[in-house]
């Protein structure tokens, strides 16, 4: 099996100019835990996941470091942490080092990549454009189909 055989399509995406509130709303409405971020041409530029929203100023969960550690880490690290927890735009919090695959990538290679990079989903690209996404849920559906006696339900992330 290949990525094209199990990927979710169409893929819902965000833009780096979208607000954090919009991203949260889209993820909650669609019952998904991560969204690819694309530029105006549809090329992948990042990924936003639930993990990017764990440390937020609005919920009082931003990282609190002791002053001595802040001193050792320097102002850059503190500024980065503050920006992450108080960001208003998707481009400020998205991960930019995104693992991705092509439609022809074998499932074994997808699983190895997800395991190595410790990610729960990978965008599927064709000519640099996002055409699908493979999540752990997609892999479970593939397993259910392979087992034969389990009927997969509708796919979601």
Protein backbone atom coordinates (compact mmCIF):
# COMPACT_ATOMS: atom_id res chain seq x y z
CA UNK A 1 0.00 0.00 0.00
CA UNK A 2 1.01 3.55 -0.69
CA UNK A 3 0.11 6.96 0.74
CA UNK A 4 -2.39 7.57 -2.08
CA UNK A 5 -4.31 4.44 -1.03
CA UNK A 6 -5.07 5.64 2.49
CA UNK A 7 -4.61 9.42 2.63
CA UNK A 8 -7.41 11.76 3.60
CA UNK A 9 -8.61 14.08 0.84
CA UNK A 10 -9.48 16.87 0.55
CA UNK A 11 -7.06 18.38 3.03
CA UNK A 12 -8.11 21.36 5.09
CA UNK A 13 -5.27 23.86 5.32
CA UNK A 14 -4.37 27.14 6.96
CA UNK A 15 -2.29 30.12 5.88
CA UNK A 16 0.43 31.70 7.99
CA UNK A 17 -1.62 34.94 8.08
CA UNK A 18 -4.60 33.14 9.69
CA UNK A 19 -5.22 33.90 13.34
CA UNK A 20 -4.59 31.41 16.11
CA UNK A 21 -8.29 31.69 16.98
CA UNK A 22 -9.22 30.67 13.42
CA UNK A 23 -6.86 27.69 13.57
CA UNK A 24 -8.32 26.52 16.88
CA UNK A 25 -11.87 26.95 15.54
CA UNK A 26 -11.08 24.92 12.39
CA UNK A 27 -9.48 22.11 14.35
CA UNK A 28 -12.38 21.90 16.80
CA UNK A 29 -15.07 22.07 14.10
CA UNK A 30 -13.40 19.41 11.98
CA UNK A 31 -12.37 17.18 14.92
CA UNK A 32 -8.75 17.11 13.77
CA UNK A 33 -5.56 17.59 15.73
CA UNK A 34 -3.32 19.18 13.11
CA UNK A 35 -3.44 21.20 9.90
CA UNK A 36 -0.89 21.88 7.18
CA UNK A 37 -0.04 25.53 6.56
CA UNK A 38 0.31 26.53 2.91
CA UNK A 39 1.29 29.66 1.03
CA UNK A 40 -0.92 31.35 -1.56
CA UNK A 41 0.27 28.90 -4.24
CA UNK A 42 -0.66 25.90 -2.08
CA UNK A 43 2.92 24.92 -1.24
CA UNK A 44 3.58 23.50 2.21
CA UNK A 45 5.25 25.99 4.58
CA UNK A 46 4.45 24.53 7.99
CA UNK A 47 2.19 22.52 10.26
CA UNK A 48 0.07 23.51 13.26
CA UNK A 49 -0.93 20.84 15.77
CA UNK A 50 -2.60 20.62 19.17
CA UNK A 51 0.87 20.57 20.70
CA UNK A 52 1.48 24.11 19.45
CA UNK A 53 -1.39 25.29 21.66
CA UNK A 54 -0.34 23.62 24.93
CA UNK A 55 1.62 26.58 26.31
CA UNK A 56 -0.65 29.61 25.89
CA UNK A 57 -0.93 32.85 27.82
CA UNK A 58 -4.72 32.80 27.58
CA UNK A 59 -4.92 29.60 29.62
CA UNK A 60 -2.07 30.43 31.99
CA UNK A 61 -0.02 27.46 30.76
CA UNK A 62 2.97 29.29 29.30
CA UNK A 63 6.40 28.14 30.46
CA UNK A 64 7.55 29.64 33.72
CA UNK A 65 11.31 29.44 34.14
CA UNK A 66 13.25 30.42 37.26
CA UNK A 67 15.11 33.71 36.86
CA UNK A 68 18.51 32.01 37.15
CA UNK A 69 17.63 29.73 34.23
CA UNK A 70 16.38 32.66 32.17
CA UNK A 71 19.72 34.35 32.80
CA UNK A 72 21.66 31.27 31.64
CA UNK A 73 19.50 30.72 28.56
CA UNK A 74 19.70 34.36 27.56
CA UNK A 75 17.06 36.73 26.25
CA UNK A 76 16.60 34.92 22.93
CA UNK A 77 15.14 31.78 24.46
CA UNK A 78 12.81 33.76 26.74
CA UNK A 79 11.62 35.91 23.84
CA UNK A 80 10.97 32.82 21.72
CA UNK A 81 8.94 31.22 24.50
CA UNK A 82 6.95 34.42 25.05
CA UNK A 83 6.23 34.78 21.33
CA UNK A 84 5.03 31.17 21.14
CA UNK A 85 2.67 31.53 24.10
CA UNK A 86 1.26 34.92 23.07
CA UNK A 87 1.24 34.60 19.27
CA UNK A 88 -1.79 35.77 17.34
CA UNK A 89 -0.92 34.45 13.87
CA UNK A 90 -0.44 30.86 12.71
CA UNK A 91 2.92 31.76 11.15
CA UNK A 92 4.28 32.63 14.59
CA UNK A 93 3.59 29.21 16.12
CA UNK A 94 3.70 26.70 13.25
CA UNK A 95 6.44 24.13 12.91
CA UNK A 96 8.42 24.72 9.75
CA UNK A 97 10.51 21.55 9.68
CA UNK A 98 7.65 19.38 8.44
CA UNK A 99 8.03 15.72 7.54
CA UNK A 100 6.15 14.96 4.32
CA UNK A 101 5.73 12.16 1.79
CA UNK A 102 4.60 11.72 -1.80
CA UNK A 103 1.59 9.79 -3.06
CA UNK A 104 3.80 6.84 -3.96
CA UNK A 105 5.48 6.48 -0.57
CA UNK A 106 5.04 2.97 0.86
CA UNK A 107 3.21 2.60 4.19
CA UNK A 108 6.25 1.04 5.82
CA UNK A 109 8.26 4.15 4.94
CA UNK A 110 5.50 6.43 6.22
CA UNK A 111 5.37 4.59 9.54
CA UNK A 112 9.16 4.70 9.86
CA UNK A 113 9.15 8.45 9.18
CA UNK A 114 6.34 9.10 11.66
CA UNK A 115 8.12 7.03 14.28
CA UNK A 116 11.52 8.66 13.69
CA UNK A 117 10.15 12.22 13.67
CA UNK A 118 7.60 11.50 16.43
CA UNK A 119 4.71 12.97 14.46
CA UNK A 120 1.11 11.86 14.22
CA UNK A 121 0.46 12.95 10.65
CA UNK A 122 2.35 13.71 7.46
CA UNK A 123 1.19 15.82 4.53
CA UNK A 124 1.23 14.12 1.14
CA UNK A 125 2.77 16.29 -1.58
CA UNK A 126 2.62 16.36 -5.37
CA UNK A 127 4.98 18.89 -6.96
CA UNK A 128 5.33 20.63 -3.60
CA UNK A 129 1.56 21.06 -3.18
CA UNK A 130 -0.47 19.40 -0.43
CA UNK A 131 -2.83 16.82 -1.97
CA UNK A 132 -3.57 14.67 1.08
CA UNK A 133 -2.61 13.83 4.62
CA UNK A 134 -1.81 10.51 6.28
CA UNK A 135 -2.57 10.32 9.99
CA UNK A 136 -2.43 7.57 12.54
CA UNK A 137 -6.19 7.21 12.05
CA UNK A 138 -5.60 6.47 8.36
CA UNK A 139 -3.14 3.76 9.34
CA UNK A 140 -5.72 2.24 11.70
CA UNK A 141 -8.26 2.21 8.86
CA UNK A 142 -5.72 0.44 6.64
CA UNK A 143 -5.13 -2.12 9.39
CA UNK A 144 -8.87 -2.64 9.83
CA UNK A 145 -9.20 -3.26 6.11
CA UNK A 146 -6.28 -5.70 6.14
CA UNK A 147 -7.80 -7.63 9.04
CA UNK A 148 -10.96 -8.01 7.02
CA UNK A 149 -13.40 -8.60 9.86
CA UNK A 150 -13.38 -4.98 11.06
CA UNK A 151 -15.32 -2.43 9.08
CA UNK A 152 -13.68 0.97 8.95
CA UNK A 153 -15.91 3.94 9.74
CA UNK A 154 -15.56 7.40 8.23
CA UNK A 155 -12.00 8.70 8.29
CA UNK A 156 -10.92 11.63 10.42
CA UNK A 157 -7.63 12.81 11.93
